[in-house]
Structure formats: C-alpha cells, structure tokens
Protein backbone atom coordinates (compact mmCIF):
# COMPACT_ATOMS: atom_id res chain seq x y z
CA UNK A 1 -29.42 12.08 -73.69
CA UNK A 2 -26.78 10.86 -76.12
CA UNK A 3 -26.65 12.31 -79.64
CA UNK A 4 -25.25 10.81 -82.83
CA UNK A 5 -24.65 13.13 -85.78
CA UNK A 6 -25.17 11.54 -89.21
CA UNK A 7 -23.51 13.25 -92.19
CA UNK A 8 -23.99 11.76 -95.67
CA UNK A 9 -21.10 12.87 -97.87
CA UNK A 10 -20.38 12.55 -101.57
CA UNK A 11 -17.29 14.24 -103.04
CA UNK A 12 -17.49 16.73 -100.19
CA UNK A 13 -13.81 17.10 -99.30
CA UNK A 14 -13.77 20.88 -99.92
CA UNK A 15 -16.73 21.84 -97.71
CA UNK A 16 -16.79 18.98 -95.20
CA UNK A 17 -14.08 20.32 -92.83
CA UNK A 18 -16.14 23.41 -91.96
CA UNK A 19 -19.22 21.24 -91.49
CA UNK A 20 -17.37 18.89 -89.13
CA UNK A 21 -15.96 21.82 -87.18
CA UNK A 22 -19.47 23.19 -86.66
CA UNK A 23 -20.55 19.81 -85.24
CA UNK A 24 -17.44 19.36 -83.10
CA UNK A 25 -17.69 22.88 -81.65
CA UNK A 26 -21.19 22.47 -80.26
CA UNK A 27 -21.74 23.63 -76.71
CA UNK A 28 -23.45 20.27 -76.16
CA UNK A 29 -21.04 17.70 -77.58
CA UNK A 30 -22.41 14.80 -79.62
CA UNK A 31 -21.37 11.31 -78.60
CA UNK A 32 -20.31 10.46 -82.15
CA UNK A 33 -20.23 11.94 -85.64
CA UNK A 34 -20.77 9.41 -88.41
CA UNK A 35 -19.63 10.46 -91.87
CA UNK A 36 -21.20 8.12 -94.41
CA UNK A 37 -18.99 8.32 -97.49
CA UNK A 38 -21.46 7.61 -100.29
CA UNK A 39 -19.07 6.22 -102.90
CA UNK A 40 -16.99 9.41 -103.22
CA UNK A 41 -14.36 9.58 -105.96
CA UNK A 42 -12.32 12.24 -104.16
CA UNK A 43 -10.61 12.13 -100.75
CA UNK A 44 -13.73 12.81 -98.69
CA UNK A 45 -13.14 9.78 -96.46
CA UNK A 46 -9.51 10.72 -95.76
CA UNK A 47 -10.44 14.33 -94.94
CA UNK A 48 -13.07 13.17 -92.44
CA UNK A 49 -10.90 10.45 -90.92
CA UNK A 50 -8.14 12.99 -90.21
CA UNK A 51 -10.35 14.57 -87.54
CA UNK A 52 -10.20 11.44 -85.40
CA UNK A 53 -12.73 10.52 -82.66
CA UNK A 54 -15.56 11.22 -82.19
CA UNK A 55 -15.67 11.36 -86.01
CA UNK A 56 -16.16 7.91 -87.51
CA UNK A 57 -16.07 7.31 -91.27
CA UNK A 58 -17.99 4.52 -92.99
CA UNK A 59 -17.48 3.95 -96.69
CA UNK A 60 -20.17 2.37 -98.83
CA UNK A 61 -21.13 2.21 -102.54
CA UNK A 62 -22.99 5.20 -103.90
CA UNK A 63 -26.69 4.95 -103.05
CA UNK A 64 -27.70 8.60 -102.67
CA UNK A 65 -28.40 10.71 -99.64
CA UNK A 66 -31.58 9.08 -98.29
CA UNK A 67 -30.01 5.60 -98.20
CA UNK A 68 -26.84 6.98 -96.60
CA UNK A 69 -28.85 8.67 -93.85
CA UNK A 70 -30.78 5.45 -93.21
CA UNK A 71 -27.53 3.49 -93.04
CA UNK A 72 -25.99 6.03 -90.68
CA UNK A 73 -28.93 5.83 -88.26
CA UNK A 74 -28.72 2.02 -88.27
CA UNK A 75 -25.01 2.26 -87.35
CA UNK A 76 -25.47 4.98 -84.72
CA UNK A 77 -25.44 4.30 -80.98
CA UNK A 78 -27.03 7.51 -79.66
CA UNK A 79 -30.58 7.83 -78.37
CA UNK A 80 -31.04 10.88 -80.59
CA UNK A 81 -30.03 11.46 -84.21
CA UNK A 82 -29.01 14.85 -85.58
CA UNK A 83 -28.79 15.01 -89.36
CA UNK A 84 -26.30 17.34 -91.01
CA UNK A 85 -25.63 17.65 -94.73
CA UNK A 86 -21.98 17.81 -95.71
CA UNK A 87 -22.20 21.42 -96.92
CA UNK A 88 -24.34 22.93 -94.17
CA UNK A 89 -23.29 24.47 -90.85
CA UNK A 90 -24.72 24.72 -87.35
CA UNK A 91 -24.76 27.60 -84.94
CA UNK A 92 -22.65 26.67 -81.93
CA UNK A 93 -25.59 26.17 -79.53
CA UNK A 94 -27.82 24.27 -81.99
CA UNK A 95 -27.83 20.88 -80.24
CA UNK A 96 -28.03 22.39 -76.76
CA UNK A 97 -31.06 24.50 -77.63
CA UNK A 98 -32.83 21.56 -79.24
CA UNK A 99 -32.24 19.28 -76.28
CA UNK A 100 -33.63 21.97 -73.98
CA UNK A 101 -36.71 22.24 -76.19
CA UNK A 102 -37.16 18.47 -76.07
CA UNK A 103 -36.83 18.47 -72.27
CA UNK A 104 -39.67 20.99 -72.14
CA UNK A 105 -41.80 18.68 -74.31
CA UNK A 106 -40.93 15.17 -73.04
CA UNK A 107 -43.60 13.62 -75.27
CA UNK A 108 -41.90 14.95 -78.41
CA UNK A 109 -39.81 12.72 -80.67
CA UNK A 110 -38.55 15.32 -83.18
CA UNK A 111 -37.27 18.87 -82.88
CA UNK A 112 -36.73 21.22 -85.84
CA UNK A 113 -35.30 24.73 -86.22
CA UNK A 114 -35.47 27.68 -88.58
CA UNK A 115 -32.68 28.19 -91.09
CA UNK A 116 -30.50 31.04 -92.23
CA UNK A 117 -29.42 30.75 -95.87
CA UNK A 118 -25.92 31.83 -96.78
CA UNK A 119 -23.56 32.11 -99.72
CA UNK A 120 -19.79 31.88 -99.57
CA UNK A 121 -17.33 33.96 -101.56
CA UNK A 122 -13.82 32.81 -100.70
CA UNK A 123 -13.52 33.03 -96.92
CA UNK A 124 -16.48 35.38 -96.64
CA UNK A 125 -19.76 33.90 -95.42
CA UNK A 126 -22.67 36.12 -96.44
CA UNK A 127 -26.04 35.49 -94.82
CA UNK A 128 -29.03 36.01 -97.11
CA UNK A 129 -32.61 34.84 -96.47
CA UNK A 130 -33.94 33.79 -93.08
CA UNK A 131 -36.57 31.08 -93.47
CA UNK A 132 -38.81 30.68 -90.41
CA UNK A 133 -40.53 27.53 -89.25
CA UNK A 134 -44.07 27.04 -87.95
CA UNK A 135 -44.75 26.66 -84.23
CA UNK A 136 -45.70 23.12 -83.25
CA UNK A 137 -49.38 24.10 -83.09
CA UNK A 138 -49.27 24.84 -86.83
CA UNK A 139 -46.92 22.11 -88.02
CA UNK A 140 -49.67 19.96 -89.53
CA UNK A 141 -51.02 22.81 -91.64
CA UNK A 142 -47.49 23.75 -92.72
CA UNK A 143 -46.55 20.20 -93.66
CA UNK A 144 -49.72 19.89 -95.71
CA UNK A 145 -48.23 22.56 -98.01
CA UNK A 146 -44.52 21.78 -98.17
CA UNK A 147 -41.60 20.31 -96.28
CA UNK A 148 -41.52 23.20 -93.71
CA UNK A 149 -38.07 22.28 -92.29
CA UNK A 150 -34.91 20.55 -93.50
CA UNK A 151 -33.06 17.41 -92.33
CA UNK A 152 -30.01 19.41 -91.20
CA UNK A 153 -32.26 21.22 -88.71
CA UNK A 154 -33.72 18.05 -87.22
CA UNK A 155 -32.99 16.05 -84.09
CA UNK A 156 -35.11 12.89 -83.96
CA UNK A 157 -35.37 10.01 -81.52
CA UNK A 158 -33.50 7.07 -83.08
CA UNK A 159 -36.18 4.52 -82.15
CA UNK A 160 -38.86 6.72 -83.75
CA UNK A 161 -36.87 7.04 -86.96
CA UNK A 162 -36.22 3.29 -87.18
CA UNK A 163 -39.85 2.36 -86.50
CA UNK A 164 -40.95 4.71 -89.31
CA UNK A 165 -38.79 2.89 -91.86
CA UNK A 166 -36.63 5.98 -92.39
CA UNK A 167 -36.34 7.96 -95.61
CA UNK A 168 -38.03 6.45 -98.66
CA UNK A 169 -35.18 5.88 -101.12
CA UNK A 170 -37.54 6.10 -104.12
CA UNK A 171 -37.36 9.86 -103.69
CA UNK A 172 -34.15 11.69 -104.52
CA UNK A 173 -34.88 15.29 -103.51
CA UNK A 174 -37.92 15.73 -101.23
CA UNK A 175 -37.65 12.45 -99.31
CA UNK A 176 -37.63 14.50 -96.10
CA UNK A 177 -41.17 15.83 -96.72
CA UNK A 178 -42.42 12.26 -97.15
CA UNK A 179 -40.83 11.22 -93.84
CA UNK A 180 -42.11 14.21 -91.84
CA UNK A 181 -45.64 13.49 -93.09
CA UNK A 182 -45.42 9.81 -92.20
CA UNK A 183 -44.19 10.72 -88.71
CA UNK A 184 -46.98 13.29 -88.35
CA UNK A 185 -49.62 10.74 -89.32
CA UNK A 186 -48.10 8.16 -86.96
CA UNK A 187 -49.03 10.48 -84.09
CA UNK A 188 -45.64 11.67 -82.84
CA UNK A 189 -45.30 15.02 -81.12
CA UNK A 190 -42.98 17.74 -82.36
CA UNK A 191 -40.86 20.38 -80.66
CA UNK A 192 -39.28 23.43 -82.23
CA UNK A 193 -36.61 26.07 -81.83
CA UNK A 194 -37.76 29.02 -83.87
CA UNK A 195 -34.24 30.50 -83.90
CA UNK A 196 -32.27 29.99 -87.16
CA UNK A 197 -29.79 27.46 -85.73
CA UNK A 198 -29.11 25.89 -89.15
CA UNK A 199 -26.94 27.72 -91.68
CA UNK A 200 -28.06 26.43 -95.07
CA UNK A 201 -25.59 26.80 -97.92
CA UNK A 202 -27.01 28.08 -101.22
CA UNK A 203 -25.48 26.67 -104.40
CA UNK A 204 -25.99 28.42 -107.73
CA UNK A 205 -27.37 26.14 -110.43
CA UNK A 206 -27.57 22.94 -108.39
CA UNK A 207 -31.18 23.32 -107.32
CA UNK A 208 -32.40 24.53 -110.71
CA UNK A 209 -31.09 21.43 -112.45
CA UNK A 210 -33.35 19.31 -110.25
CA UNK A 211 -36.42 21.55 -109.96
CA UNK A 212 -38.50 19.48 -112.38
CA UNK A 213 -37.70 16.27 -110.47
CA UNK A 214 -38.49 17.96 -107.16
CA UNK A 215 -41.85 19.09 -108.54
CA UNK A 216 -42.80 15.59 -109.69
CA UNK A 217 -41.79 14.05 -106.38
CA UNK A 218 -43.62 16.71 -104.35
CA UNK A 219 -46.85 16.16 -106.26
CA UNK A 220 -46.63 12.39 -105.77
CA UNK A 221 -46.01 12.83 -102.05
CA UNK A 222 -48.98 15.19 -101.77
CA UNK A 223 -51.26 12.71 -103.53
CA UNK A 224 -50.16 9.79 -101.37
CA UNK A 225 -49.46 11.41 -97.99
CA UNK A 226 -51.79 14.43 -97.77
CA UNK A 227 -54.78 13.96 -100.07
CA UNK A 228 -56.12 10.82 -98.32
CA UNK A 229 -56.37 12.85 -95.08
CA UNK A 230 -58.52 15.61 -96.62
CA UNK A 231 -62.26 15.71 -97.46
CA UNK A 232 -62.80 14.52 -101.07
CA UNK A 233 -64.07 17.70 -102.74
CA UNK A 234 -62.27 20.38 -100.75
CA UNK A 235 -59.18 18.15 -100.76
CA UNK A 236 -58.90 18.23 -104.55
CA UNK A 237 -59.43 22.00 -104.57
CA UNK A 238 -56.67 22.33 -102.02
CA UNK A 239 -54.46 19.97 -103.99
CA UNK A 240 -54.74 22.19 -107.07
CA UNK A 241 -53.87 25.27 -105.04
CA UNK A 242 -50.83 23.61 -103.46
CA UNK A 243 -49.80 22.20 -106.84
CA UNK A 244 -50.07 25.69 -108.27
CA UNK A 245 -47.78 27.01 -105.51
CA UNK A 246 -45.19 24.32 -106.14
CA UNK A 247 -45.29 24.97 -109.89
CA UNK A 248 -44.77 28.70 -109.38
CA UNK A 249 -41.72 28.07 -107.20
CA UNK A 250 -40.33 25.47 -109.63
CA UNK A 251 -40.81 27.90 -112.52
CA UNK A 252 -38.77 30.63 -110.87
CA UNK A 253 -36.02 28.20 -109.92
CA UNK A 254 -35.91 26.85 -113.49
CA UNK A 255 -35.71 30.40 -114.80
CA UNK A 256 -32.70 31.12 -112.59
CA UNK A 257 -31.00 28.09 -114.13
CA UNK A 258 -31.81 29.18 -117.68
CA UNK A 259 -34.20 26.31 -118.45
CA UNK A 260 -36.80 27.24 -121.14
CA UNK A 261 -39.49 25.07 -119.55
CA UNK A 262 -39.97 27.69 -116.83
CA UNK A 263 -42.56 29.52 -118.94
CA UNK A 264 -44.84 26.52 -119.33
CA UNK A 265 -44.55 25.65 -115.64
CA UNK A 266 -45.62 29.15 -114.60
CA UNK A 267 -48.50 29.13 -117.10
CA UNK A 268 -49.70 25.81 -115.69
CA UNK A 269 -49.54 27.29 -112.18
CA UNK A 270 -51.80 30.18 -113.19
CA UNK A 271 -54.27 28.10 -115.20
CA UNK A 272 -54.59 25.62 -112.35
CA UNK A 273 -55.38 28.29 -109.76
CA UNK A 274 -55.97 31.69 -111.40
CA UNK A 275 -57.38 33.48 -108.36
CA UNK A 276 -54.44 33.57 -105.94
CA UNK A 277 -50.92 35.02 -105.98
CA UNK A 278 -51.58 37.72 -108.57
CA UNK A 279 -47.86 38.49 -108.87
CA UNK A 280 -47.53 35.36 -111.04
CA UNK A 281 -49.22 37.16 -113.94
CA UNK A 282 -46.54 39.84 -113.90
CA UNK A 283 -43.80 37.21 -113.63
CA UNK A 284 -45.24 35.23 -116.56
CA UNK A 285 -45.54 38.33 -118.71
CA UNK A 286 -41.90 39.13 -118.04
CA UNK A 287 -40.88 35.55 -118.85
CA UNK A 288 -42.79 35.50 -122.15
CA UNK A 289 -41.47 38.91 -123.15
CA UNK A 290 -37.88 37.86 -122.53
CA UNK A 291 -38.32 34.58 -124.38
CA UNK A 292 -39.86 36.22 -127.45
CA UNK A 293 -37.17 38.84 -127.30
CA UNK A 294 -34.54 36.18 -127.99
CA UNK A 295 -36.71 34.53 -130.66
CA UNK A 296 -37.80 31.37 -128.86
CA UNK A 297 -41.30 29.94 -129.26
CA UNK A 298 -42.59 30.61 -125.76
CA UNK A 299 -46.21 29.89 -126.62
CA UNK A 300 -45.49 26.34 -127.82
CA UNK A 301 -43.46 25.56 -124.71
CA UNK A 302 -46.09 27.12 -122.50
CA UNK A 303 -48.96 25.05 -123.89
CA UNK A 304 -46.92 21.87 -124.26
CA UNK A 305 -46.22 21.80 -120.53
CA UNK A 306 -49.79 22.51 -119.51
CA UNK A 307 -51.32 19.73 -121.60
CA UNK A 308 -48.65 17.33 -120.44
CA UNK A 309 -49.17 18.17 -116.75
C-alpha cells in the first residue's frame, strides 16, 4: 500500500524542517512527500527542496490550505494520502499503525488518530492536552457535534478523496469537518488508532483571531451537512444545543485573544441553551466583571451580539 504525504505550506520555512523530519523518519516510509508551496514569500520552497527525494516541492499561487491539499492529492501517485500541516509533527510509528488498522478493517477508506497538543519554547517541546478521538462505532455521533479529528491525523484512500470532490474551498478554517461529514454520508467506513500519533502545535493568538470565522463556518456546515439528516423538531433542538457549545468554545478562545466580543458570544450561548453546561454562568460572570472593571460597556456588547446572531 503506497502512501503519499501532502503538506500545504505557506511561509513555513522555520517550522517545516522538523515536520519533514517527522515524515521522513516514519517506521513505514511514504513513497513521496509533496510540499505544496502556497505562494510563500519566504524561502519555504528552498528549505523543502534541500531535503531531496522523496520530498517533492510544487510551487503555486496562494490559494489557501484547502485548495493546496486538493492540488497535492491530484498530483500524488500513492494509493493512500496522509495529510500533514507544515507545523505539526508525527510520532515515528504513525503511518505504520494506521496501515495496520486499515488492514484490520479492509472495508475502511479513512483512518484517524488522537492528537497530543504541544507548545515549543526554544528547543523544548512541551506536551499539553491530549485530545482523544471516538471509536468508529461512535464516529457519526461525534461528527454530528464537531470535527472530531484533524487532517494531520488522517490517512485516506486517494480514490475516495477524489470522488468526494475534496475539501470545499469556500471554507477557510473548518473545511475538514465539511469533508468528513460528506464522506460519512457517502457511506464510507472508518478506522481509527486511538493513540495520540499526531503532535499538534499550539500557536498563541492565531486561533483567537479566527474564532468568529470558525464559528460562522461551523454553523453553516451544521445547517447544510447535519440538520437535513435529523428529525425536524428534535433536529432544531439539537442544533441549538450544538450551536450553544460552539459559541461557548468560541467565546473562550476570543477571550484568550483579548477580543471584547467574547462576552456577547458567551451570553448568546447561555440564552440559546440555558439548561446545560452550568459552568458557563460562572465564566460569563467573570467576563462581565472584568470588562466592567476596565470601564467597557459589556452589556451593550453582550446584547448586540445576541440580537445579531
């Protein structure tokens, strides 16, 4: 079973070498590693090219990550595609373990793994949160709430990916959730490695700047990819609960980034579904207290978001 690794890269020259090393040092070697240079303005392409075969660099105009992944799969020659973001890392046996899992489930077309988050301070790599994944028996339920697993943890059959149409380039942040749902509804089978074989790099500030966009995209994906598969009345009740969950998460991410809108987003989460996740009331009270403490009009922001949502 031949494997092609697809790495979209934009101005990634600083972190890309470690990422490539983690792909090259796999116990099961990939046939090729395609670095899709997405219009970088630094020396990303030169850094990748210096590794030589099996690393192959393809330069193209900037079109964002989803389009670069799609392009990489089209150019790949392997039967299986393993996605890897330019700042993430793999445990050394990641591909081997996934191929073994796929051999045990020959009907499966996609295998995903858990992830271990990490932060880097100089040469020190500090592991933080371990994020588990659902077993295959629960993947539908999990995907009906959120993305459940990340592209860098996935190995997917190339023919399955191409027949699905790939990542929808209208989405800029949660395009992976849209694809996993479309594959689920197409009837493919999944396999999993519940070990954290992906090391996911945490960046301060980067996620918070895009939390509002991620929330909008997630809600659109839920309405188009999940809601039509649920009973009408209970489906809308479930939609409001899931929307409330996503708003609560977005609020806390926005708060970490110092964005004032976090108060209104948390208030909307509570008003939409007041009977679950009681800790949100304490979080909101703390947010409002801190905002009033520095003299900002929290109440106006709070209500403005809710009536806009």
